[in-house]
Amino acid sequence: MTSDPQLYITLALSGLAGLGMLTGAALSGWRGWLALKHRELAELHRPEMAAAAMPNAASRIELADLKERIRKLEAIAAGVDL
């Protein structure tokens, strides 16, 4: 086995450089993820989004219709005559 100190220094510096690049990439991804979550939270607290989240009459009627269909299908599955 060779005991060349230059080889060991080169390997150590290469490993350190690789670790630095990996750490930089991870930090960049972390910052991007935090920015994404910040934008998602900002979108949740916008006033016009709160108004749009309230269901209108047509969607409530449609939801009631779907619930009634589910009740009928459950009754059919249970063997109950309607």
PDB file of N, CA and C in Angstrom:
ATOM      1  N   MET A   1       0.853  -1.172   0.000  1.00  0.00           N
ATOM      2  CA  MET A   1       0.000   0.000   0.000  1.00  0.00           C
ATOM      3  C   MET A   1       0.897   1.232   0.000  1.00  0.00           C
ATOM      4  N   THR A   2       0.524   2.192  -0.757  1.00  0.00           N
ATOM      5  CA  THR A   2       1.334   3.407  -0.834  1.00  0.00           C
ATOM      6  C   THR A   2       0.971   4.345   0.298  1.00  0.00           C
ATOM      7  N   SER A   3       1.925   5.084   0.710  1.00  0.00           N
ATOM      8  CA  SER A   3       1.679   6.067   1.769  1.00  0.00           C
ATOM      9  C   SER A   3       1.957   7.461   1.233  1.00  0.00           C
ATOM     10  N   ASP A   4       1.380   7.714   0.053  1.00  0.00           N
ATOM     11  CA  ASP A   4       1.574   9.012  -0.586  1.00  0.00           C
ATOM     12  C   ASP A   4       0.652  10.033   0.081  1.00  0.00           C
ATOM     13  N   PRO A   5       1.183  11.034   0.753  1.00  0.00           N
ATOM     14  CA  PRO A   5       0.315  12.008   1.434  1.00  0.00           C
ATOM     15  C   PRO A   5      -0.511  12.850   0.461  1.00  0.00           C
ATOM     16  N   GLN A   6      -0.005  13.053  -0.739  1.00  0.00           N
ATOM     17  CA  GLN A   6      -0.741  13.857  -1.715  1.00  0.00           C
ATOM     18  C   GLN A   6      -2.038  13.150  -2.125  1.00  0.00           C
ATOM     19  N   LEU A   7      -2.013  11.825  -2.216  1.00  0.00           N
ATOM     20  CA  LEU A   7      -3.209  11.060  -2.555  1.00  0.00           C
ATOM     21  C   LEU A   7      -4.279  11.233  -1.479  1.00  0.00           C
ATOM     22  N   TYR A   8      -3.886  11.122  -0.236  1.00  0.00           N
ATOM     23  CA  TYR A   8      -4.837  11.257   0.869  1.00  0.00           C
ATOM     24  C   TYR A   8      -5.403  12.676   0.966  1.00  0.00           C
ATOM     25  N   ILE A   9      -4.574  13.656   0.714  1.00  0.00           N
ATOM     26  CA  ILE A   9      -5.046  15.045   0.733  1.00  0.00           C
ATOM     27  C   ILE A   9      -6.031  15.278  -0.405  1.00  0.00           C
ATOM     28  N   THR A  10      -5.726  14.736  -1.596  1.00  0.00           N
ATOM     29  CA  THR A  10      -6.616  14.886  -2.747  1.00  0.00           C
ATOM     30  C   THR A  10      -7.963  14.207  -2.487  1.00  0.00           C
ATOM     31  N   LEU A  11      -7.921  13.001  -1.944  1.00  0.00           N
ATOM     32  CA  LEU A  11      -9.171  12.303  -1.631  1.00  0.00           C
ATOM     33  C   LEU A  11      -9.984  13.039  -0.572  1.00  0.00           C
ATOM     34  N   ALA A  12      -9.319  13.548   0.439  1.00  0.00           N
ATOM     35  CA  ALA A  12     -10.025  14.278   1.491  1.00  0.00           C
ATOM     36  C   ALA A  12     -10.654  15.554   0.948  1.00  0.00           C
ATOM     37  N   LEU A  13      -9.909  16.280   0.124  1.00  0.00           N
ATOM     38  CA  LEU A  13     -10.455  17.517  -0.446  1.00  0.00           C
ATOM     39  C   LEU A  13     -11.597  17.226  -1.421  1.00  0.00           C
ATOM     40  N   SER A  14     -11.482  16.139  -2.192  1.00  0.00           N
ATOM     41  CA  SER A  14     -12.565  15.769  -3.111  1.00  0.00           C
ATOM     42  C   SER A  14     -13.827  15.400  -2.333  1.00  0.00           C
ATOM     43  N   GLY A  15     -13.657  14.649  -1.267  1.00  0.00           N
ATOM     44  CA  GLY A  15     -14.808  14.295  -0.433  1.00  0.00           C
ATOM     45  C   GLY A  15     -15.439  15.509   0.205  1.00  0.00           C
ATOM     46  N   LEU A  16     -14.613  16.422   0.663  1.00  0.00           N
ATOM     47  CA  LEU A  16     -15.123  17.647   1.274  1.00  0.00           C
ATOM     48  C   LEU A  16     -15.859  18.510   0.253  1.00  0.00           C
ATOM     49  N   ALA A  17     -15.312  18.577  -0.969  1.00  0.00           N
ATOM     50  CA  ALA A  17     -15.982  19.351  -2.023  1.00  0.00           C
ATOM     51  C   ALA A  17     -17.324  18.713  -2.383  1.00  0.00           C
ATOM     52  N   GLY A  18     -17.358  17.383  -2.478  1.00  0.00           N
ATOM     53  CA  GLY A  18     -18.616  16.693  -2.772  1.00  0.00           C
ATOM     54  C   GLY A  18     -19.646  16.898  -1.681  1.00  0.00           C
ATOM     55  N   LEU A  19     -19.198  16.831  -0.441  1.00  0.00           N
ATOM     56  CA  LEU A  19     -20.101  17.073   0.681  1.00  0.00           C
ATOM     57  C   LEU A  19     -20.625  18.506   0.663  1.00  0.00           C
ATOM     58  N   GLY A  20     -19.775  19.443   0.299  1.00  0.00           N
ATOM     59  CA  GLY A  20     -20.203  20.839   0.203  1.00  0.00           C
ATOM     60  C   GLY A  20     -21.245  21.039  -0.886  1.00  0.00           C
ATOM     61  N   MET A  21     -21.047  20.378  -2.041  1.00  0.00           N
ATOM     62  CA  MET A  21     -22.029  20.491  -3.127  1.00  0.00           C
ATOM     63  C   MET A  21     -23.360  19.854  -2.735  1.00  0.00           C
ATOM     64  N   LEU A  22     -23.291  18.722  -2.073  1.00  0.00           N
ATOM     65  CA  LEU A  22     -24.510  18.052  -1.622  1.00  0.00           C
ATOM     66  C   LEU A  22     -25.257  18.896  -0.594  1.00  0.00           C
ATOM     67  N   THR A  23     -24.524  19.494   0.311  1.00  0.00           N
ATOM     68  CA  THR A  23     -25.137  20.362   1.322  1.00  0.00           C
ATOM     69  C   THR A  23     -25.766  21.590   0.673  1.00  0.00           C
ATOM     70  N   GLY A  24     -25.078  22.166  -0.313  1.00  0.00           N
ATOM     71  CA  GLY A  24     -25.627  23.330  -1.019  1.00  0.00           C
ATOM     72  C   GLY A  24     -26.908  22.995  -1.763  1.00  0.00           C
ATOM     73  N   ALA A  25     -26.935  21.824  -2.409  1.00  0.00           N
ATOM     74  CA  ALA A  25     -28.144  21.409  -3.126  1.00  0.00           C
ATOM     75  C   ALA A  25     -29.297  21.161  -2.152  1.00  0.00           C
ATOM     76  N   ALA A  26     -28.997  20.547  -1.019  1.00  0.00           N
ATOM     77  CA  ALA A  26     -30.042  20.298  -0.018  1.00  0.00           C
ATOM     78  C   ALA A  26     -30.578  21.606   0.552  1.00  0.00           C
ATOM     79  N   LEU A  27     -29.706  22.551   0.794  1.00  0.00           N
ATOM     80  CA  LEU A  27     -30.134  23.845   1.314  1.00  0.00           C
ATOM     81  C   LEU A  27     -30.996  24.589   0.297  1.00  0.00           C
ATOM     82  N   SER A  28     -30.619  24.505  -0.968  1.00  0.00           N
ATOM     83  CA  SER A  28     -31.416  25.147  -2.014  1.00  0.00           C
ATOM     84  C   SER A  28     -32.810  24.516  -2.096  1.00  0.00           C
ATOM     85  N   GLY A  29     -32.875  23.194  -2.012  1.00  0.00           N
ATOM     86  CA  GLY A  29     -34.179  22.522  -2.021  1.00  0.00           C
ATOM     87  C   GLY A  29     -35.021  22.886  -0.816  1.00  0.00           C
ATOM     88  N   TRP A  30     -34.401  22.993   0.340  1.00  0.00           N
ATOM     89  CA  TRP A  30     -35.107  23.370   1.566  1.00  0.00           C
ATOM     90  C   TRP A  30     -35.693  24.768   1.437  1.00  0.00           C
ATOM     91  N   ARG A  31     -34.900  25.690   0.914  1.00  0.00           N
ATOM     92  CA  ARG A  31     -35.395  27.061   0.737  1.00  0.00           C
ATOM     93  C   ARG A  31     -36.547  27.106  -0.256  1.00  0.00           C
ATOM     94  N   GLY A  32     -36.453  26.320  -1.326  1.00  0.00           N
ATOM     95  CA  GLY A  32     -37.543  26.254  -2.294  1.00  0.00           C
ATOM     96  C   GLY A  32     -38.815  25.701  -1.679  1.00  0.00           C
ATOM     97  N   TRP A  33     -38.674  24.666  -0.849  1.00  0.00           N
ATOM     98  CA  TRP A  33     -39.834  24.079  -0.197  1.00  0.00           C
ATOM     99  C   TRP A  33     -40.468  25.077   0.768  1.00  0.00           C
ATOM    100  N   LEU A  34     -39.638  25.797   1.507  1.00  0.00           N
ATOM    101  CA  LEU A  34     -40.169  26.812   2.426  1.00  0.00           C
ATOM    102  C   LEU A  34     -40.894  27.920   1.662  1.00  0.00           C
ATOM    103  N   ALA A  35     -40.340  28.333   0.522  1.00  0.00           N
ATOM    104  CA  ALA A  35     -40.999  29.362  -0.287  1.00  0.00           C
ATOM    105  C   ALA A  35     -42.349  28.861  -0.801  1.00  0.00           C
ATOM    106  N   LEU A  36     -42.403  27.595  -1.207  1.00  0.00           N
ATOM    107  CA  LEU A  36     -43.662  27.016  -1.671  1.00  0.00           C
ATOM    108  C   LEU A  36     -44.705  27.015  -0.561  1.00  0.00           C
ATOM    109  N   LYS A  37     -44.324  26.586   0.627  1.00  0.00           N
ATOM    110  CA  LYS A  37     -45.263  26.565   1.744  1.00  0.00           C
ATOM    111  C   LYS A  37     -45.696  27.976   2.131  1.00  0.00           C
ATOM    112  N   HIS A  38     -44.785  28.929   2.028  1.00  0.00           N
ATOM    113  CA  HIS A  38     -45.132  30.318   2.336  1.00  0.00           C
ATOM    114  C   HIS A  38     -46.184  30.823   1.358  1.00  0.00           C
ATOM    115  N   ARG A  39     -46.008  30.498   0.068  1.00  0.00           N
ATOM    116  CA  ARG A  39     -46.997  30.914  -0.930  1.00  0.00           C
ATOM    117  C   ARG A  39     -48.338  30.220  -0.702  1.00  0.00           C
ATOM    118  N   GLU A  40     -48.316  28.945  -0.321  1.00  0.00           N
ATOM    119  CA  GLU A  40     -49.570  28.241  -0.048  1.00  0.00           C
ATOM    120  C   GLU A  40     -50.310  28.871   1.124  1.00  0.00           C
ATOM    121  N   LEU A  41     -49.594  29.211   2.169  1.00  0.00           N
ATOM    122  CA  LEU A  41     -50.233  29.855   3.321  1.00  0.00           C
ATOM    123  C   LEU A  41     -50.754  31.240   2.964  1.00  0.00           C
ATOM    124  N   ALA A  42     -50.022  31.973   2.134  1.00  0.00           N
ATOM    125  CA  ALA A  42     -50.480  33.297   1.718  1.00  0.00           C
ATOM    126  C   ALA A  42     -51.759  33.183   0.893  1.00  0.00           C
ATOM    127  N   GLU A  43     -51.865  32.146   0.068  1.00  0.00           N
ATOM    128  CA  GLU A  43     -53.071  31.951  -0.734  1.00  0.00           C
ATOM    129  C   GLU A  43     -54.270  31.594   0.143  1.00  0.00           C
ATOM    130  N   LEU A  44     -54.035  30.878   1.222  1.00  0.00           N
ATOM    131  CA  LEU A  44     -55.139  30.495   2.107  1.00  0.00           C
ATOM    132  C   LEU A  44     -55.750  31.690   2.822  1.00  0.00           C
ATOM    133  N   HIS A  45     -54.956  32.688   3.113  1.00  0.00           N
ATOM    134  CA  HIS A  45     -55.418  33.811   3.921  1.00  0.00           C
ATOM    135  C   HIS A  45     -55.823  35.025   3.096  1.00  0.00           C
ATOM    136  N   ARG A  46     -55.955  34.853   1.787  1.00  0.00           N
ATOM    137  CA  ARG A  46     -56.409  35.975   0.967  1.00  0.00           C
ATOM    138  C   ARG A  46     -57.917  36.132   1.131  1.00  0.00           C
ATOM    139  N   PRO A  47     -58.424  37.371   1.235  1.00  0.00           N
ATOM    140  CA  PRO A  47     -59.868  37.569   1.472  1.00  0.00           C
ATOM    141  C   PRO A  47     -60.745  37.043   0.340  1.00  0.00           C
ATOM    142  N   GLU A  48     -60.319  37.190  -0.915  1.00  0.00           N
ATOM    143  CA  GLU A  48     -61.165  36.727  -2.011  1.00  0.00           C
ATOM    144  C   GLU A  48     -61.242  35.207  -2.042  1.00  0.00           C
ATOM    145  N   MET A  49     -60.229  34.540  -1.507  1.00  0.00           N
ATOM    146  CA  MET A  49     -60.277  33.087  -1.437  1.00  0.00           C
ATOM    147  C   MET A  49     -61.281  32.638  -0.376  1.00  0.00           C
ATOM    148  N   ALA A  50     -61.418  33.381   0.683  1.00  0.00           N
ATOM    149  CA  ALA A  50     -62.377  33.029   1.730  1.00  0.00           C
ATOM    150  C   ALA A  50     -63.804  33.128   1.198  1.00  0.00           C
ATOM    151  N   ALA A  51     -64.069  34.131   0.379  1.00  0.00           N
ATOM    152  CA  ALA A  51     -65.398  34.277  -0.199  1.00  0.00           C
ATOM    153  C   ALA A  51     -65.675  33.168  -1.205  1.00  0.00           C
ATOM    154  N   ALA A  52     -64.651  32.760  -1.944  1.00  0.00           N
ATOM    155  CA  ALA A  52     -64.840  31.707  -2.939  1.00  0.00           C
ATOM    156  C   ALA A  52     -65.011  30.343  -2.276  1.00  0.00           C
ATOM    157  N   ALA A  53     -64.536  30.193  -1.069  1.00  0.00           N
ATOM    158  CA  ALA A  53     -64.636  28.908  -0.387  1.00  0.00           C
ATOM    159  C   ALA A  53     -66.056  28.646   0.110  1.00  0.00           C
ATOM    160  N   MET A  54     -66.868  29.687   0.275  1.00  0.00           N
ATOM    161  CA  MET A  54     -68.242  29.516   0.724  1.00  0.00           C
ATOM    162  C   MET A  54     -69.060  28.908  -0.416  1.00  0.00           C
ATOM    163  N   PRO A  55     -69.791  27.837  -0.145  1.00  0.00           N
ATOM    164  CA  PRO A  55     -70.564  27.203  -1.208  1.00  0.00           C
ATOM    165  C   PRO A  55     -71.782  28.048  -1.579  1.00  0.00           C
ATOM    166  N   ASN A  56     -72.075  28.078  -2.856  1.00  0.00           N
ATOM    167  CA  ASN A  56     -73.267  28.797  -3.285  1.00  0.00           C
ATOM    168  C   ASN A  56     -74.463  27.840  -3.267  1.00  0.00           C
ATOM    169  N   ALA A  57     -75.624  28.345  -3.604  1.00  0.00           N
ATOM    170  CA  ALA A  57     -76.853  27.554  -3.497  1.00  0.00           C
ATOM    171  C   ALA A  57     -76.833  26.351  -4.437  1.00  0.00           C
ATOM    172  N   ALA A  58     -76.317  26.535  -5.639  1.00  0.00           N
ATOM    173  CA  ALA A  58     -76.305  25.436  -6.606  1.00  0.00           C
ATOM    174  C   ALA A  58     -75.432  24.282  -6.121  1.00  0.00           C
ATOM    175  N   SER A  59     -74.304  24.601  -5.540  1.00  0.00           N
ATOM    176  CA  SER A  59     -73.436  23.517  -5.068  1.00  0.00           C
ATOM    177  C   SER A  59     -74.037  22.827  -3.847  1.00  0.00           C
ATOM    178  N   ARG A  60     -74.764  23.574  -3.011  1.00  0.00           N
ATOM    179  CA  ARG A  60     -75.424  22.938  -1.864  1.00  0.00           C
ATOM    180  C   ARG A  60     -76.531  22.005  -2.329  1.00  0.00           C
ATOM    181  N   ILE A  61     -77.273  22.420  -3.353  1.00  0.00           N
ATOM    182  CA  ILE A  61     -78.338  21.569  -3.892  1.00  0.00           C
ATOM    183  C   ILE A  61     -77.737  20.312  -4.507  1.00  0.00           C
ATOM    184  N   GLU A  62     -76.644  20.485  -5.236  1.00  0.00           N
ATOM    185  CA  GLU A  62     -75.984  19.334  -5.849  1.00  0.00           C
ATOM    186  C   GLU A  62     -75.459  18.377  -4.781  1.00  0.00           C
ATOM    187  N   LEU A  63     -74.921  18.917  -3.713  1.00  0.00           N
ATOM    188  CA  LEU A  63     -74.426  18.087  -2.619  1.00  0.00           C
ATOM    189  C   LEU A  63     -75.574  17.322  -1.954  1.00  0.00           C
ATOM    190  N   ALA A  64     -76.695  17.982  -1.754  1.00  0.00           N
ATOM    191  CA  ALA A  64     -77.859  17.311  -1.168  1.00  0.00           C
ATOM    192  C   ALA A  64     -78.360  16.202  -2.090  1.00  0.00           C
ATOM    193  N   ASP A  65     -78.335  16.448  -3.403  1.00  0.00           N
ATOM    194  CA  ASP A  65     -78.749  15.441  -4.371  1.00  0.00           C
ATOM    195  C   ASP A  65     -77.823  14.226  -4.313  1.00  0.00           C
ATOM    196  N   LEU A  66     -76.534  14.468  -4.212  1.00  0.00           N
ATOM    197  CA  LEU A  66     -75.582  13.363  -4.121  1.00  0.00           C
ATOM    198  C   LEU A  66     -75.771  12.564  -2.837  1.00  0.00           C
ATOM    199  N   LYS A  67     -76.055  13.253  -1.744  1.00  0.00           N
ATOM    200  CA  LYS A  67     -76.302  12.550  -0.480  1.00  0.00           C
ATOM    201  C   LYS A  67     -77.548  11.680  -0.579  1.00  0.00           C
ATOM    202  N   GLU A  68     -78.581  12.177  -1.241  1.00  0.00           N
ATOM    203  CA  GLU A  68     -79.807  11.406  -1.414  1.00  0.00           C
ATOM    204  C   GLU A  68     -79.549  10.172  -2.276  1.00  0.00           C
ATOM    205  N   ARG A  69     -78.754  10.324  -3.319  1.00  0.00           N
ATOM    206  CA  ARG A  69     -78.408   9.172  -4.158  1.00  0.00           C
ATOM    207  C   ARG A  69     -77.648   8.121  -3.354  1.00  0.00           C
ATOM    208  N   ILE A  70     -76.751   8.581  -2.490  1.00  0.00           N
ATOM    209  CA  ILE A  70     -75.992   7.649  -1.651  1.00  0.00           C
ATOM    210  C   ILE A  70     -76.926   6.904  -0.710  1.00  0.00           C
ATOM    211  N   ARG A  71     -77.899   7.618  -0.130  1.00  0.00           N
ATOM    212  CA  ARG A  71     -78.864   6.966   0.758  1.00  0.00           C
ATOM    213  C   ARG A  71     -79.649   5.887   0.013  1.00  0.00           C
ATOM    214  N   LYS A  72     -80.066   6.212  -1.221  1.00  0.00           N
ATOM    215  CA  LYS A  72     -80.822   5.244  -2.015  1.00  0.00           C
ATOM    216  C   LYS A  72     -79.965   4.025  -2.351  1.00  0.00           C
ATOM    217  N   LEU A  73     -78.715   4.244  -2.725  1.00  0.00           N
ATOM    218  CA  LEU A  73     -77.837   3.119  -3.052  1.00  0.00           C
ATOM    219  C   LEU A  73     -77.553   2.255  -1.826  1.00  0.00           C
ATOM    220  N   GLU A  74     -77.404   2.891  -0.676  1.00  0.00           N
ATOM    221  CA  GLU A  74     -77.199   2.123   0.556  1.00  0.00           C
ATOM    222  C   GLU A  74     -78.441   1.313   0.899  1.00  0.00           C
ATOM    223  N   ALA A  75     -79.621   1.882   0.663  1.00  0.00           N
ATOM    224  CA  ALA A  75     -80.864   1.154   0.922  1.00  0.00           C
ATOM    225  C   ALA A  75     -80.987  -0.037  -0.023  1.00  0.00           C
ATOM    226  N   ILE A  76     -80.617   0.149  -1.281  1.00  0.00           N
ATOM    227  CA  ILE A  76     -80.659  -0.958  -2.240  1.00  0.00           C
ATOM    228  C   ILE A  76     -79.681  -2.048  -1.817  1.00  0.00           C
ATOM    229  N   ALA A  77     -78.493  -1.647  -1.385  1.00  0.00           N
ATOM    230  CA  ALA A  77     -77.489  -2.627  -0.955  1.00  0.00           C
ATOM    231  C   ALA A  77     -77.939  -3.378   0.293  1.00  0.00           C
ATOM    232  N   ALA A  78     -78.705  -2.712   1.151  1.00  0.00           N
ATOM    233  CA  ALA A  78     -79.190  -3.352   2.377  1.00  0.00           C
ATOM    234  C   ALA A  78     -80.438  -4.196   2.125  1.00  0.00           C
ATOM    235  N   GLY A  79     -81.023  -4.078   0.938  1.00  0.00           N
ATOM    236  CA  GLY A  79     -82.207  -4.863   0.610  1.00  0.00           C
ATOM    237  C   GLY A  79     -83.502  -4.227   1.053  1.00  0.00           C
ATOM    238  N   VAL A  80     -83.517  -2.939   1.310  1.00  0.00           N
ATOM    239  CA  VAL A  80     -84.714  -2.236   1.755  1.00  0.00           C
ATOM    240  C   VAL A  80     -85.454  -1.716   0.527  1.00  0.00           C
ATOM    241  N   ASP A  81     -86.792  -1.933   0.502  1.00  0.00           N
ATOM    242  CA  ASP A  81     -87.597  -1.389  -0.593  1.00  0.00           C
ATOM    243  C   ASP A  81     -87.849   0.085  -0.357  1.00  0.00           C
ATOM    244  N   LEU A  82     -87.732   0.849  -1.421  1.00  0.00           N
ATOM    245  CA  LEU A  82     -87.965   2.299  -1.307  1.00  0.00           C
ATOM    246  C   LEU A  82     -89.374   2.660  -1.675  1.00  0.00           C
TER     247      LEU A  82
END
